[in-house]
C-alpha atoms as a PDB file:
ATOM      1  CA  UNK A   1      -8.618  13.498  -9.528  1.00  0.00           C
ATOM      2  CA  UNK A   2     -11.743  12.150  -7.659  1.00  0.00           C
ATOM      3  CA  UNK A   3     -14.712  12.131  -9.737  1.00  0.00           C
ATOM      4  CA  UNK A   4     -17.866  13.910  -9.648  1.00  0.00           C
ATOM      5  CA  UNK A   5     -19.620  11.404  -7.646  1.00  0.00           C
ATOM      6  CA  UNK A   6     -17.150  10.522  -5.286  1.00  0.00           C
ATOM      7  CA  UNK A   7     -18.318   9.762  -1.611  1.00  0.00           C
ATOM      8  CA  UNK A   8     -15.407   9.933   0.837  1.00  0.00           C
ATOM      9  CA  UNK A   9     -17.556   8.986   3.388  1.00  0.00           C
ATOM     10  CA  UNK A  10     -18.567   5.803   1.694  1.00  0.00           C
ATOM     11  CA  UNK A  11     -15.679   4.964   0.388  1.00  0.00           C
ATOM     12  CA  UNK A  12     -13.526   5.482   3.980  1.00  0.00           C
ATOM     13  CA  UNK A  13     -16.106   3.117   5.581  1.00  0.00           C
ATOM     14  CA  UNK A  14     -14.729  -0.137   3.874  1.00  0.00           C
ATOM     15  CA  UNK A  15     -10.676   1.377   4.640  1.00  0.00           C
ATOM     16  CA  UNK A  16      -8.989  -0.377   7.125  1.00  0.00           C
ATOM     17  CA  UNK A  17      -6.654   1.065   9.760  1.00  0.00           C
ATOM     18  CA  UNK A  18      -2.901   0.612   9.170  1.00  0.00           C
ATOM     19  CA  UNK A  19      -2.307   0.622  13.146  1.00  0.00           C
ATOM     20  CA  UNK A  20      -4.704  -1.415  14.702  1.00  0.00           C
ATOM     21  CA  UNK A  21      -6.981  -2.998  11.415  1.00  0.00           C
ATOM     22  CA  UNK A  22     -10.151  -1.769  12.500  1.00  0.00           C
ATOM     23  CA  UNK A  23     -12.464  -1.386   9.229  1.00  0.00           C
ATOM     24  CA  UNK A  24     -14.392   1.838   8.778  1.00  0.00           C
ATOM     25  CA  UNK A  25     -12.593   5.411   8.620  1.00  0.00           C
ATOM     26  CA  UNK A  26     -13.686   8.449   8.694  1.00  0.00           C
ATOM     27  CA  UNK A  27     -13.283  12.180   7.856  1.00  0.00           C
ATOM     28  CA  UNK A  28     -12.646  13.788  11.066  1.00  0.00           C
ATOM     29  CA  UNK A  29     -14.365  17.325  12.125  1.00  0.00           C
ATOM     30  CA  UNK A  30     -11.805  20.440  12.347  1.00  0.00           C
ATOM     31  CA  UNK A  31     -12.144  19.811  16.545  1.00  0.00           C
ATOM     32  CA  UNK A  32     -11.185  15.807  16.353  1.00  0.00           C
ATOM     33  CA  UNK A  33      -8.315  16.996  13.834  1.00  0.00           C
ATOM     34  CA  UNK A  34      -6.952  19.469  16.323  1.00  0.00           C
ATOM     35  CA  UNK A  35      -7.089  17.627  19.308  1.00  0.00           C
ATOM     36  CA  UNK A  36      -5.025  14.715  18.240  1.00  0.00           C
ATOM     37  CA  UNK A  37      -2.093  14.274  19.668  1.00  0.00           C
ATOM     38  CA  UNK A  38       1.229  14.301  17.674  1.00  0.00           C
ATOM     39  CA  UNK A  39       1.654  10.361  18.286  1.00  0.00           C
ATOM     40  CA  UNK A  40      -1.109   9.756  16.617  1.00  0.00           C
ATOM     41  CA  UNK A  41      -0.442  11.034  13.584  1.00  0.00           C
ATOM     42  CA  UNK A  42       0.366   8.976  10.628  1.00  0.00           C
ATOM     43  CA  UNK A  43       3.745   9.249   8.864  1.00  0.00           C
ATOM     44  CA  UNK A  44       2.464   8.236   4.624  1.00  0.00           C
ATOM     45  CA  UNK A  45       5.400   6.341   3.001  1.00  0.00           C
ATOM     46  CA  UNK A  46       3.921   7.820  -0.049  1.00  0.00           C
ATOM     47  CA  UNK A  47       2.278  10.831  -0.712  1.00  0.00           C
ATOM     48  CA  UNK A  48      -0.458  10.590  -3.029  1.00  0.00           C
ATOM     49  CA  UNK A  49      -2.934  13.718  -4.741  1.00  0.00           C
ATOM     50  CA  UNK A  50      -5.106  14.157  -4.171  1.00  0.00           C
ATOM     51  CA  UNK A  51      -6.004  13.411  -1.077  1.00  0.00           C
ATOM     52  CA  UNK A  52      -8.350  13.510   2.329  1.00  0.00           C
ATOM     53  CA  UNK A  53      -7.912  13.411   5.518  1.00  0.00           C
ATOM     54  CA  UNK A  54      -9.559  10.131   6.869  1.00  0.00           C
ATOM     55  CA  UNK A  55      -9.726   9.319  11.218  1.00  0.00           C
ATOM     56  CA  UNK A  56      -9.796   5.888  13.083  1.00  0.00           C
ATOM     57  CA  UNK A  57     -12.551   5.948  15.558  1.00  0.00           C
ATOM     58  CA  UNK A  58     -11.061   2.762  17.368  1.00  0.00           C
ATOM     59  CA  UNK A  59      -7.732   3.745  17.922  1.00  0.00           C
ATOM     60  CA  UNK A  60      -7.570   7.663  16.947  1.00  0.00           C
ATOM     61  CA  UNK A  61      -5.000   6.971  14.012  1.00  0.00           C
ATOM     62  CA  UNK A  62      -5.418  10.305  11.755  1.00  0.00           C
ATOM     63  CA  UNK A  63      -3.170  10.153   8.180  1.00  0.00           C
ATOM     64  CA  UNK A  64      -4.035  11.712   4.586  1.00  0.00           C
ATOM     65  CA  UNK A  65      -5.870   8.769   2.877  1.00  0.00           C
ATOM     66  CA  UNK A  66      -5.076   7.001   0.657  1.00  0.00           C
ATOM     67  CA  UNK A  67      -1.412   7.481   1.489  1.00  0.00           C
ATOM     68  CA  UNK A  68      -1.888   5.936   4.903  1.00  0.00           C
ATOM     69  CA  UNK A  69      -3.872   2.841   3.080  1.00  0.00           C
ATOM     70  CA  UNK A  70      -1.374   2.058   0.876  1.00  0.00           C
ATOM     71  CA  UNK A  71       0.858  -0.818   0.344  1.00  0.00           C
ATOM     72  CA  UNK A  72       3.406  -1.623  -1.798  1.00  0.00           C
ATOM     73  CA  UNK A  73       2.346  -4.606  -4.469  1.00  0.00           C
ATOM     74  CA  UNK A  74       5.326  -7.391  -3.777  1.00  0.00           C
ATOM     75  CA  UNK A  75       7.293  -8.370  -7.306  1.00  0.00           C
ATOM     76  CA  UNK A  76       7.509 -12.227  -7.917  1.00  0.00           C
ATOM     77  CA  UNK A  77      11.275 -12.937  -7.002  1.00  0.00           C
ATOM     78  CA  UNK A  78      13.089 -14.617  -9.322  1.00  0.00           C
ATOM     79  CA  UNK A  79      15.614 -17.732  -9.092  1.00  0.00           C
ATOM     80  CA  UNK A  80      19.003 -16.661  -9.479  1.00  0.00           C
ATOM     81  CA  UNK A  81      21.214 -17.944 -12.373  1.00  0.00           C
ATOM     82  CA  UNK A  82      22.889 -21.192 -10.883  1.00  0.00           C
ATOM     83  CA  UNK A  83      20.642 -21.548  -7.882  1.00  0.00           C
ATOM     84  CA  UNK A  84      19.597 -24.990  -7.624  1.00  0.00           C
ATOM     85  CA  UNK A  85      16.987 -26.243  -4.732  1.00  0.00           C
ATOM     86  CA  UNK A  86      18.443 -28.909  -2.786  1.00  0.00           C
ATOM     87  CA  UNK A  87      15.360 -31.584  -2.321  1.00  0.00           C
END
């Protein structure tokens, strides 16, 4: 859950759009969300609850935050046994 003092406007202002990489997402009003074409609706790779609807004013992308900005962490890769590097 979000904390009581969570301010979505301030938090989204520092997020980066996953499509155009512009900094600064916003909470869309009902009209903006309703008029967004289907092609501009982001399909999240991961659903995170709770979430809020976020909108990129630069490119028009709409999606559920934080799922739309989530990037999986890359795990460190180990060398296979018996593998030796050629110098």
